[in-house]
């Protein structure tokens, strides 16, 4: 197997750059770490390069990850260098450079089958929240995720770990502004649904089973005022105690799974 023993190796240096968003955006690549995520990336044909700590080579050979069709992508990396690439404190000794799956609005329109739901991320900032919502959207049967400009990077290491492979399977679409989102909803026949204190309707009073674009607002400021004015439906989650709101990913999970309850 090819080895990397110097920090000046070009392939190693290029991978190191992917810790920064500007390089992920420019190259259309990102890093995934851990046995399960690397194996999924390989199975979906998205892995470009695999890095394995030389201290873990025997383990992954025994696991069968070093099959011939994958071995041509792999590099054995000197352990201290691998630690520089690793994004977790207790690394499993394997990571991969993965190509982003490209989706555009036209993809959604051509793939739409008439009864789809999408979750919209309105300027969310916490990587854990974003990844958890992406993962939950898949479990709730949602057809994709739409991110508005101002939302933190979906392909950051923390988000990828929280999403647990859902980024490989669920379309993720970026829209520049609220008006573009409104046009997309109109073209797909989606109701734009927001959470609001200024409503008497609870989420279970509305049919959220299909044709919904569910907006999850920024952790601190909620849904933007402009989107609030554009909304077709305003709902709220019943609250007891003295809480003013729920964590964004918890609220998203409750609302998205209403589609499964209805079905």
C-alpha atoms as a PDB file:
ATOM      1  CA  UNK A   1       0.000   0.000   0.000  1.00  0.00           C
ATOM      2  CA  UNK A   2       1.112   3.563  -0.667  1.00  0.00           C
ATOM      3  CA  UNK A   3       2.440   5.347   2.393  1.00  0.00           C
ATOM      4  CA  UNK A   4       2.429   8.916   3.633  1.00  0.00           C
ATOM      5  CA  UNK A   5       5.294   9.651   6.000  1.00  0.00           C
ATOM      6  CA  UNK A   6       5.786  13.401   5.468  1.00  0.00           C
ATOM      7  CA  UNK A   7       3.575  16.387   6.246  1.00  0.00           C
ATOM      8  CA  UNK A   8       4.759  17.844   2.928  1.00  0.00           C
ATOM      9  CA  UNK A   9       3.039  15.109   0.937  1.00  0.00           C
ATOM     10  CA  UNK A  10       0.672  16.879  -1.523  1.00  0.00           C
ATOM     11  CA  UNK A  11      -2.258  14.520  -0.933  1.00  0.00           C
ATOM     12  CA  UNK A  12      -1.910  14.898   2.824  1.00  0.00           C
ATOM     13  CA  UNK A  13      -1.701  18.704   2.568  1.00  0.00           C
ATOM     14  CA  UNK A  14      -4.811  18.855   0.379  1.00  0.00           C
ATOM     15  CA  UNK A  15      -6.742  16.748   2.887  1.00  0.00           C
ATOM     16  CA  UNK A  16      -5.615  18.961   5.765  1.00  0.00           C
ATOM     17  CA  UNK A  17      -7.090  21.994   3.986  1.00  0.00           C
ATOM     18  CA  UNK A  18     -10.552  20.419   4.124  1.00  0.00           C
ATOM     19  CA  UNK A  19     -10.787  21.319   7.795  1.00  0.00           C
ATOM     20  CA  UNK A  20     -11.617  24.811   6.474  1.00  0.00           C
ATOM     21  CA  UNK A  21     -14.986  25.639   4.908  1.00  0.00           C
ATOM     22  CA  UNK A  22     -13.552  27.712   2.063  1.00  0.00           C
ATOM     23  CA  UNK A  23     -11.630  24.699   0.758  1.00  0.00           C
ATOM     24  CA  UNK A  24     -14.610  22.371   1.183  1.00  0.00           C
ATOM     25  CA  UNK A  25     -16.696  24.802  -0.849  1.00  0.00           C
ATOM     26  CA  UNK A  26     -14.053  25.304  -3.511  1.00  0.00           C
ATOM     27  CA  UNK A  27     -13.195  21.649  -4.023  1.00  0.00           C
ATOM     28  CA  UNK A  28     -16.634  20.119  -3.402  1.00  0.00           C
ATOM     29  CA  UNK A  29     -15.011  17.724  -0.931  1.00  0.00           C
ATOM     30  CA  UNK A  30     -15.207  17.059   2.789  1.00  0.00           C
ATOM     31  CA  UNK A  31     -13.854  14.614   5.374  1.00  0.00           C
ATOM     32  CA  UNK A  32     -15.637  11.765   7.121  1.00  0.00           C
ATOM     33  CA  UNK A  33     -14.108   9.836   9.985  1.00  0.00           C
ATOM     34  CA  UNK A  34     -14.772   6.459  11.505  1.00  0.00           C
ATOM     35  CA  UNK A  35     -15.305   2.959  10.195  1.00  0.00           C
ATOM     36  CA  UNK A  36     -19.059   3.183   9.552  1.00  0.00           C
ATOM     37  CA  UNK A  37     -19.011   6.510   7.712  1.00  0.00           C
ATOM     38  CA  UNK A  38     -16.028   5.538   5.570  1.00  0.00           C
ATOM     39  CA  UNK A  39     -17.637   2.234   4.635  1.00  0.00           C
ATOM     40  CA  UNK A  40     -20.893   3.994   3.697  1.00  0.00           C
ATOM     41  CA  UNK A  41     -19.016   6.548   1.600  1.00  0.00           C
ATOM     42  CA  UNK A  42     -17.273   3.685  -0.190  1.00  0.00           C
ATOM     43  CA  UNK A  43     -20.512   1.831  -0.802  1.00  0.00           C
ATOM     44  CA  UNK A  44     -22.122   4.938  -2.300  1.00  0.00           C
ATOM     45  CA  UNK A  45     -19.091   5.517  -4.523  1.00  0.00           C
ATOM     46  CA  UNK A  46     -18.381   8.918  -2.958  1.00  0.00           C
ATOM     47  CA  UNK A  47     -14.962   8.258  -1.383  1.00  0.00           C
ATOM     48  CA  UNK A  48     -12.049   9.816  -3.256  1.00  0.00           C
ATOM     49  CA  UNK A  49      -9.201   8.945  -0.897  1.00  0.00           C
ATOM     50  CA  UNK A  50      -8.922   6.837   2.250  1.00  0.00           C
ATOM     51  CA  UNK A  51      -6.395   7.455   5.019  1.00  0.00           C
ATOM     52  CA  UNK A  52      -5.625   4.681   7.503  1.00  0.00           C
ATOM     53  CA  UNK A  53      -3.292   5.013  10.421  1.00  0.00           C
ATOM     54  CA  UNK A  54      -0.498   2.521   9.863  1.00  0.00           C
ATOM     55  CA  UNK A  55      -1.063   1.348  13.447  1.00  0.00           C
ATOM     56  CA  UNK A  56      -4.566   0.130  12.411  1.00  0.00           C
ATOM     57  CA  UNK A  57      -3.799  -1.486   9.053  1.00  0.00           C
ATOM     58  CA  UNK A  58      -3.970  -5.064  10.299  1.00  0.00           C
ATOM     59  CA  UNK A  59      -7.298  -4.424  12.004  1.00  0.00           C
ATOM     60  CA  UNK A  60      -8.941  -3.057   8.834  1.00  0.00           C
ATOM     61  CA  UNK A  61      -7.468  -5.808   6.676  1.00  0.00           C
ATOM     62  CA  UNK A  62      -9.032  -8.356   9.017  1.00  0.00           C
ATOM     63  CA  UNK A  63     -12.352  -6.459   8.840  1.00  0.00           C
ATOM     64  CA  UNK A  64     -12.332  -6.743   5.055  1.00  0.00           C
ATOM     65  CA  UNK A  65     -12.208  -3.017   4.355  1.00  0.00           C
ATOM     66  CA  UNK A  66      -9.069  -3.491   2.340  1.00  0.00           C
ATOM     67  CA  UNK A  67     -10.790  -5.258  -0.533  1.00  0.00           C
ATOM     68  CA  UNK A  68      -9.097  -4.807  -3.892  1.00  0.00           C
ATOM     69  CA  UNK A  69     -11.673  -2.358  -5.241  1.00  0.00           C
ATOM     70  CA  UNK A  70     -11.012  -0.033  -2.296  1.00  0.00           C
ATOM     71  CA  UNK A  71      -7.315  -0.546  -1.731  1.00  0.00           C
ATOM     72  CA  UNK A  72      -6.404   1.620  -4.725  1.00  0.00           C
ATOM     73  CA  UNK A  73      -7.897   4.603  -2.853  1.00  0.00           C
ATOM     74  CA  UNK A  74      -6.056   3.969   0.407  1.00  0.00           C
ATOM     75  CA  UNK A  75      -2.921   5.407   1.973  1.00  0.00           C
ATOM     76  CA  UNK A  76      -1.193   4.189   5.114  1.00  0.00           C
ATOM     77  CA  UNK A  77      -0.406   7.270   7.174  1.00  0.00           C
ATOM     78  CA  UNK A  78       2.260   7.535   9.838  1.00  0.00           C
ATOM     79  CA  UNK A  79       0.309   7.662  13.166  1.00  0.00           C
ATOM     80  CA  UNK A  80       1.461  11.126  14.255  1.00  0.00           C
ATOM     81  CA  UNK A  81       0.486  12.548  10.869  1.00  0.00           C
ATOM     82  CA  UNK A  82      -2.865  10.756  10.974  1.00  0.00           C
ATOM     83  CA  UNK A  83      -3.565  12.402  14.329  1.00  0.00           C
ATOM     84  CA  UNK A  84      -3.230  15.787  12.609  1.00  0.00           C
ATOM     85  CA  UNK A  85      -5.937  14.790  10.128  1.00  0.00           C
ATOM     86  CA  UNK A  86      -8.219  13.184  12.714  1.00  0.00           C
ATOM     87  CA  UNK A  87     -11.115  15.263  13.984  1.00  0.00           C
ATOM     88  CA  UNK A  88     -11.963  13.255  17.106  1.00  0.00           C
ATOM     89  CA  UNK A  89     -10.003  12.704  20.298  1.00  0.00           C
ATOM     90  CA  UNK A  90     -10.454   8.922  20.184  1.00  0.00           C
ATOM     91  CA  UNK A  91     -10.061   8.254  16.482  1.00  0.00           C
ATOM     92  CA  UNK A  92     -10.761   4.847  14.955  1.00  0.00           C
ATOM     93  CA  UNK A  93      -7.734   5.317  12.715  1.00  0.00           C
ATOM     94  CA  UNK A  94      -9.599   5.680   9.422  1.00  0.00           C
ATOM     95  CA  UNK A  95     -11.043   8.612   7.483  1.00  0.00           C
ATOM     96  CA  UNK A  96     -11.888   9.491   3.909  1.00  0.00           C
ATOM     97  CA  UNK A  97     -12.070  12.441   1.558  1.00  0.00           C
ATOM     98  CA  UNK A  98     -15.603  12.383   0.153  1.00  0.00           C
ATOM     99  CA  UNK A  99     -17.155  14.191  -2.793  1.00  0.00           C
ATOM    100  CA  UNK A 100     -20.307  16.189  -2.103  1.00  0.00           C
ATOM    101  CA  UNK A 101     -23.424  14.992  -3.843  1.00  0.00           C
ATOM    102  CA  UNK A 102     -24.615  17.837  -6.041  1.00  0.00           C
ATOM    103  CA  UNK A 103     -28.310  18.669  -5.920  1.00  0.00           C
ATOM    104  CA  UNK A 104     -30.061  21.679  -7.388  1.00  0.00           C
ATOM    105  CA  UNK A 105     -33.613  22.944  -7.440  1.00  0.00           C
ATOM    106  CA  UNK A 106     -34.167  21.258 -10.803  1.00  0.00           C
ATOM    107  CA  UNK A 107     -33.313  17.906  -9.189  1.00  0.00           C
ATOM    108  CA  UNK A 108     -36.025  18.379  -6.605  1.00  0.00           C
ATOM    109  CA  UNK A 109     -38.572  19.319  -9.231  1.00  0.00           C
ATOM    110  CA  UNK A 110     -37.758  16.353 -11.487  1.00  0.00           C
ATOM    111  CA  UNK A 111     -37.633  13.866  -8.581  1.00  0.00           C
ATOM    112  CA  UNK A 112     -40.728  15.160  -6.803  1.00  0.00           C
ATOM    113  CA  UNK A 113     -43.502  12.559  -6.694  1.00  0.00           C
ATOM    114  CA  UNK A 114     -46.272  14.801  -5.353  1.00  0.00           C
ATOM    115  CA  UNK A 115     -46.331  13.944  -1.648  1.00  0.00           C
ATOM    116  CA  UNK A 116     -42.978  15.068  -0.338  1.00  0.00           C
ATOM    117  CA  UNK A 117     -41.932  16.953   2.777  1.00  0.00           C
ATOM    118  CA  UNK A 118     -38.809  19.067   3.196  1.00  0.00           C
ATOM    119  CA  UNK A 119     -37.238  20.621   6.266  1.00  0.00           C
ATOM    120  CA  UNK A 120     -35.847  24.131   5.843  1.00  0.00           C
ATOM    121  CA  UNK A 121     -32.934  25.335   7.976  1.00  0.00           C
ATOM    122  CA  UNK A 122     -33.212  29.089   8.517  1.00  0.00           C
ATOM    123  CA  UNK A 123     -29.768  30.345   9.615  1.00  0.00           C
ATOM    124  CA  UNK A 124     -29.115  27.565  12.142  1.00  0.00           C
ATOM    125  CA  UNK A 125     -25.623  27.738  13.603  1.00  0.00           C
ATOM    126  CA  UNK A 126     -25.077  24.746  15.872  1.00  0.00           C
ATOM    127  CA  UNK A 127     -23.448  21.819  14.002  1.00  0.00           C
ATOM    128  CA  UNK A 128     -25.005  19.279  16.356  1.00  0.00           C
ATOM    129  CA  UNK A 129     -28.493  20.667  15.739  1.00  0.00           C
ATOM    130  CA  UNK A 130     -28.008  20.721  11.978  1.00  0.00           C
ATOM    131  CA  UNK A 131     -26.662  17.167  11.821  1.00  0.00           C
ATOM    132  CA  UNK A 132     -29.366  15.829  14.120  1.00  0.00           C
ATOM    133  CA  UNK A 133     -32.114  17.459  12.040  1.00  0.00           C
ATOM    134  CA  UNK A 134     -30.677  15.992   8.821  1.00  0.00           C
ATOM    135  CA  UNK A 135     -30.577  12.550  10.428  1.00  0.00           C
ATOM    136  CA  UNK A 136     -34.082  12.873  11.870  1.00  0.00           C
ATOM    137  CA  UNK A 137     -35.475  14.085   8.544  1.00  0.00           C
ATOM    138  CA  UNK A 138     -34.444  10.802   6.952  1.00  0.00           C
ATOM    139  CA  UNK A 139     -36.016   8.795   9.774  1.00  0.00           C
ATOM    140  CA  UNK A 140     -39.259  10.773   9.531  1.00  0.00           C
ATOM    141  CA  UNK A 141     -39.502  10.092   5.800  1.00  0.00           C
ATOM    142  CA  UNK A 142     -38.709  13.622   4.658  1.00  0.00           C
ATOM    143  CA  UNK A 143     -37.508  13.907   1.079  1.00  0.00           C
ATOM    144  CA  UNK A 144     -34.707  16.388   1.625  1.00  0.00           C
ATOM    145  CA  UNK A 145     -33.190  19.326   3.467  1.00  0.00           C
ATOM    146  CA  UNK A 146     -33.163  22.925   2.243  1.00  0.00           C
ATOM    147  CA  UNK A 147     -30.614  25.313   3.756  1.00  0.00           C
ATOM    148  CA  UNK A 148     -31.003  29.067   3.612  1.00  0.00           C
ATOM    149  CA  UNK A 149     -28.036  31.398   3.271  1.00  0.00           C
ATOM    150  CA  UNK A 150     -26.642  32.080   6.740  1.00  0.00           C
ATOM    151  CA  UNK A 151     -26.960  28.471   7.902  1.00  0.00           C
ATOM    152  CA  UNK A 152     -23.681  26.990   9.146  1.00  0.00           C
ATOM    153  CA  UNK A 153     -21.787  24.563   6.911  1.00  0.00           C
ATOM    154  CA  UNK A 154     -23.639  21.269   6.517  1.00  0.00           C
ATOM    155  CA  UNK A 155     -20.339  19.530   5.730  1.00  0.00           C
ATOM    156  CA  UNK A 156     -18.388  20.541   8.825  1.00  0.00           C
ATOM    157  CA  UNK A 157     -16.891  17.610  10.780  1.00  0.00           C
ATOM    158  CA  UNK A 158     -19.272  17.959  13.755  1.00  0.00           C
ATOM    159  CA  UNK A 159     -22.340  18.149  11.508  1.00  0.00           C
ATOM    160  CA  UNK A 160     -21.255  15.109   9.496  1.00  0.00           C
ATOM    161  CA  UNK A 161     -20.817  13.059  12.680  1.00  0.00           C
ATOM    162  CA  UNK A 162     -24.218  14.131  14.034  1.00  0.00           C
ATOM    163  CA  UNK A 163     -25.923  13.344  10.705  1.00  0.00           C
ATOM    164  CA  UNK A 164     -24.550   9.774  10.865  1.00  0.00           C
ATOM    165  CA  UNK A 165     -24.522   9.065   7.134  1.00  0.00           C
ATOM    166  CA  UNK A 166     -27.798  10.783   6.191  1.00  0.00           C
ATOM    167  CA  UNK A 167     -25.862  13.320   4.099  1.00  0.00           C
ATOM    168  CA  UNK A 168     -25.082  10.456   1.693  1.00  0.00           C
ATOM    169  CA  UNK A 169     -28.753   9.637   1.167  1.00  0.00           C
ATOM    170  CA  UNK A 170     -30.966  12.698   1.615  1.00  0.00           C
ATOM    171  CA  UNK A 171     -30.731  15.566  -0.893  1.00  0.00           C
ATOM    172  CA  UNK A 172     -29.405  18.787   0.597  1.00  0.00           C
ATOM    173  CA  UNK A 173     -30.269  21.928  -1.379  1.00  0.00           C
ATOM    174  CA  UNK A 174     -29.031  25.461  -0.769  1.00  0.00           C
ATOM    175  CA  UNK A 175     -31.174  28.495  -1.567  1.00  0.00           C
ATOM    176  CA  UNK A 176     -29.876  32.056  -1.428  1.00  0.00           C
ATOM    177  CA  UNK A 177     -32.834  33.866   0.112  1.00  0.00           C
ATOM    178  CA  UNK A 178     -36.415  33.685   1.296  1.00  0.00           C
ATOM    179  CA  UNK A 179     -37.888  34.650  -2.056  1.00  0.00           C
ATOM    180  CA  UNK A 180     -36.075  31.807  -3.775  1.00  0.00           C
ATOM    181  CA  UNK A 181     -37.462  29.478  -1.112  1.00  0.00           C
ATOM    182  CA  UNK A 182     -40.984  30.793  -1.708  1.00  0.00           C
ATOM    183  CA  UNK A 183     -40.656  30.204  -5.444  1.00  0.00           C
ATOM    184  CA  UNK A 184     -39.406  26.660  -4.838  1.00  0.00           C
ATOM    185  CA  UNK A 185     -42.366  25.920  -2.555  1.00  0.00           C
ATOM    186  CA  UNK A 186     -44.767  27.223  -5.189  1.00  0.00           C
ATOM    187  CA  UNK A 187     -43.186  25.097  -7.919  1.00  0.00           C
ATOM    188  CA  UNK A 188     -43.341  21.966  -5.762  1.00  0.00           C
ATOM    189  CA  UNK A 189     -46.779  22.689  -4.362  1.00  0.00           C
ATOM    190  CA  UNK A 190     -45.526  22.881  -0.782  1.00  0.00           C
ATOM    191  CA  UNK A 191     -47.107  24.659   2.172  1.00  0.00           C
ATOM    192  CA  UNK A 192     -44.563  26.859   3.929  1.00  0.00           C
ATOM    193  CA  UNK A 193     -44.944  26.024   7.626  1.00  0.00           C
ATOM    194  CA  UNK A 194     -43.347  27.997  10.467  1.00  0.00           C
ATOM    195  CA  UNK A 195     -43.478  27.848  14.248  1.00  0.00           C
ATOM    196  CA  UNK A 196     -44.777  30.972  15.911  1.00  0.00           C
ATOM    197  CA  UNK A 197     -46.028  32.185  19.283  1.00  0.00           C
ATOM    198  CA  UNK A 198     -48.518  34.341  17.375  1.00  0.00           C
ATOM    199  CA  UNK A 199     -51.009  31.567  16.609  1.00  0.00           C
ATOM    200  CA  UNK A 200     -53.707  29.572  18.335  1.00  0.00           C
ATOM    201  CA  UNK A 201     -53.012  26.430  16.305  1.00  0.00           C
ATOM    202  CA  UNK A 202     -50.943  23.555  17.655  1.00  0.00           C
ATOM    203  CA  UNK A 203     -48.970  21.387  15.256  1.00  0.00           C
ATOM    204  CA  UNK A 204     -51.463  18.516  15.580  1.00  0.00           C
ATOM    205  CA  UNK A 205     -54.284  20.816  14.457  1.00  0.00           C
ATOM    206  CA  UNK A 206     -52.755  20.970  10.971  1.00  0.00           C
ATOM    207  CA  UNK A 207     -52.113  18.245   8.412  1.00  0.00           C
ATOM    208  CA  UNK A 208     -48.316  17.982   8.239  1.00  0.00           C
ATOM    209  CA  UNK A 209     -48.300  14.571   6.578  1.00  0.00           C
ATOM    210  CA  UNK A 210     -47.422  15.714   3.044  1.00  0.00           C
ATOM    211  CA  UNK A 211     -46.451  18.613   0.818  1.00  0.00           C
ATOM    212  CA  UNK A 212     -44.830  20.585   3.621  1.00  0.00           C
ATOM    213  CA  UNK A 213     -41.762  22.817   3.782  1.00  0.00           C
ATOM    214  CA  UNK A 214     -41.171  22.966   7.539  1.00  0.00           C
ATOM    215  CA  UNK A 215     -38.981  25.894   8.609  1.00  0.00           C
ATOM    216  CA  UNK A 216     -36.725  25.490  11.654  1.00  0.00           C
ATOM    217  CA  UNK A 217     -35.444  28.879  12.764  1.00  0.00           C
ATOM    218  CA  UNK A 218     -32.184  30.136  14.178  1.00  0.00           C
ATOM    219  CA  UNK A 219     -31.427  28.912  17.704  1.00  0.00           C
ATOM    220  CA  UNK A 220     -31.450  32.383  19.241  1.00  0.00           C
ATOM    221  CA  UNK A 221     -33.783  34.403  17.025  1.00  0.00           C
ATOM    222  CA  UNK A 222     -36.208  31.874  15.589  1.00  0.00           C
ATOM    223  CA  UNK A 223     -37.715  32.133  12.115  1.00  0.00           C
ATOM    224  CA  UNK A 224     -36.963  35.398  10.299  1.00  0.00           C
ATOM    225  CA  UNK A 225     -39.688  38.035  10.151  1.00  0.00           C
ATOM    226  CA  UNK A 226     -39.787  37.918   6.355  1.00  0.00           C
ATOM    227  CA  UNK A 227     -40.365  34.164   6.328  1.00  0.00           C
ATOM    228  CA  UNK A 228     -42.982  34.555   9.030  1.00  0.00           C
ATOM    229  CA  UNK A 229     -44.891  36.907   6.729  1.00  0.00           C
ATOM    230  CA  UNK A 230     -44.526  34.525   3.764  1.00  0.00           C
ATOM    231  CA  UNK A 231     -45.780  31.475   5.674  1.00  0.00           C
ATOM    232  CA  UNK A 232     -48.893  29.574   4.648  1.00  0.00           C
ATOM    233  CA  UNK A 233     -49.300  27.938   8.047  1.00  0.00           C
ATOM    234  CA  UNK A 234     -48.236  28.989  11.563  1.00  0.00           C
ATOM    235  CA  UNK A 235     -48.147  26.399  14.323  1.00  0.00           C
ATOM    236  CA  UNK A 236     -46.800  25.970  17.827  1.00  0.00           C
ATOM    237  CA  UNK A 237     -45.821  23.143  20.151  1.00  0.00           C
ATOM    238  CA  UNK A 238     -47.715  23.051  23.466  1.00  0.00           C
ATOM    239  CA  UNK A 239     -45.436  23.923  26.386  1.00  0.00           C
ATOM    240  CA  UNK A 240     -45.737  23.442  30.115  1.00  0.00           C
ATOM    241  CA  UNK A 241     -43.557  24.746  32.904  1.00  0.00           C
ATOM    242  CA  UNK A 242     -41.664  27.989  32.483  1.00  0.00           C
ATOM    243  CA  UNK A 243     -39.831  27.150  29.262  1.00  0.00           C
ATOM    244  CA  UNK A 244     -40.073  29.601  26.403  1.00  0.00           C
ATOM    245  CA  UNK A 245     -38.821  27.243  23.708  1.00  0.00           C
ATOM    246  CA  UNK A 246     -37.305  23.845  22.935  1.00  0.00           C
ATOM    247  CA  UNK A 247     -33.932  23.007  21.430  1.00  0.00           C
ATOM    248  CA  UNK A 248     -34.140  23.412  17.644  1.00  0.00           C
ATOM    249  CA  UNK A 249     -33.422  19.774  16.838  1.00  0.00           C
ATOM    250  CA  UNK A 250     -35.912  18.519  19.454  1.00  0.00           C
ATOM    251  CA  UNK A 251     -38.644  20.779  18.072  1.00  0.00           C
ATOM    252  CA  UNK A 252     -37.817  19.687  14.531  1.00  0.00           C
ATOM    253  CA  UNK A 253     -38.072  16.030  15.522  1.00  0.00           C
ATOM    254  CA  UNK A 254     -41.493  16.480  17.120  1.00  0.00           C
ATOM    255  CA  UNK A 255     -42.834  18.312  14.077  1.00  0.00           C
ATOM    256  CA  UNK A 256     -41.317  16.056  11.422  1.00  0.00           C
ATOM    257  CA  UNK A 257     -42.569  12.880  13.059  1.00  0.00           C
ATOM    258  CA  UNK A 258     -46.097  14.232  12.944  1.00  0.00           C
ATOM    259  CA  UNK A 259     -46.014  13.090   9.292  1.00  0.00           C
ATOM    260  CA  UNK A 260     -45.457   9.501  10.450  1.00  0.00           C
ATOM    261  CA  UNK A 261     -48.181   9.741  13.096  1.00  0.00           C
ATOM    262  CA  UNK A 262     -50.688  10.951  10.493  1.00  0.00           C
ATOM    263  CA  UNK A 263     -49.778   8.121   8.161  1.00  0.00           C
END
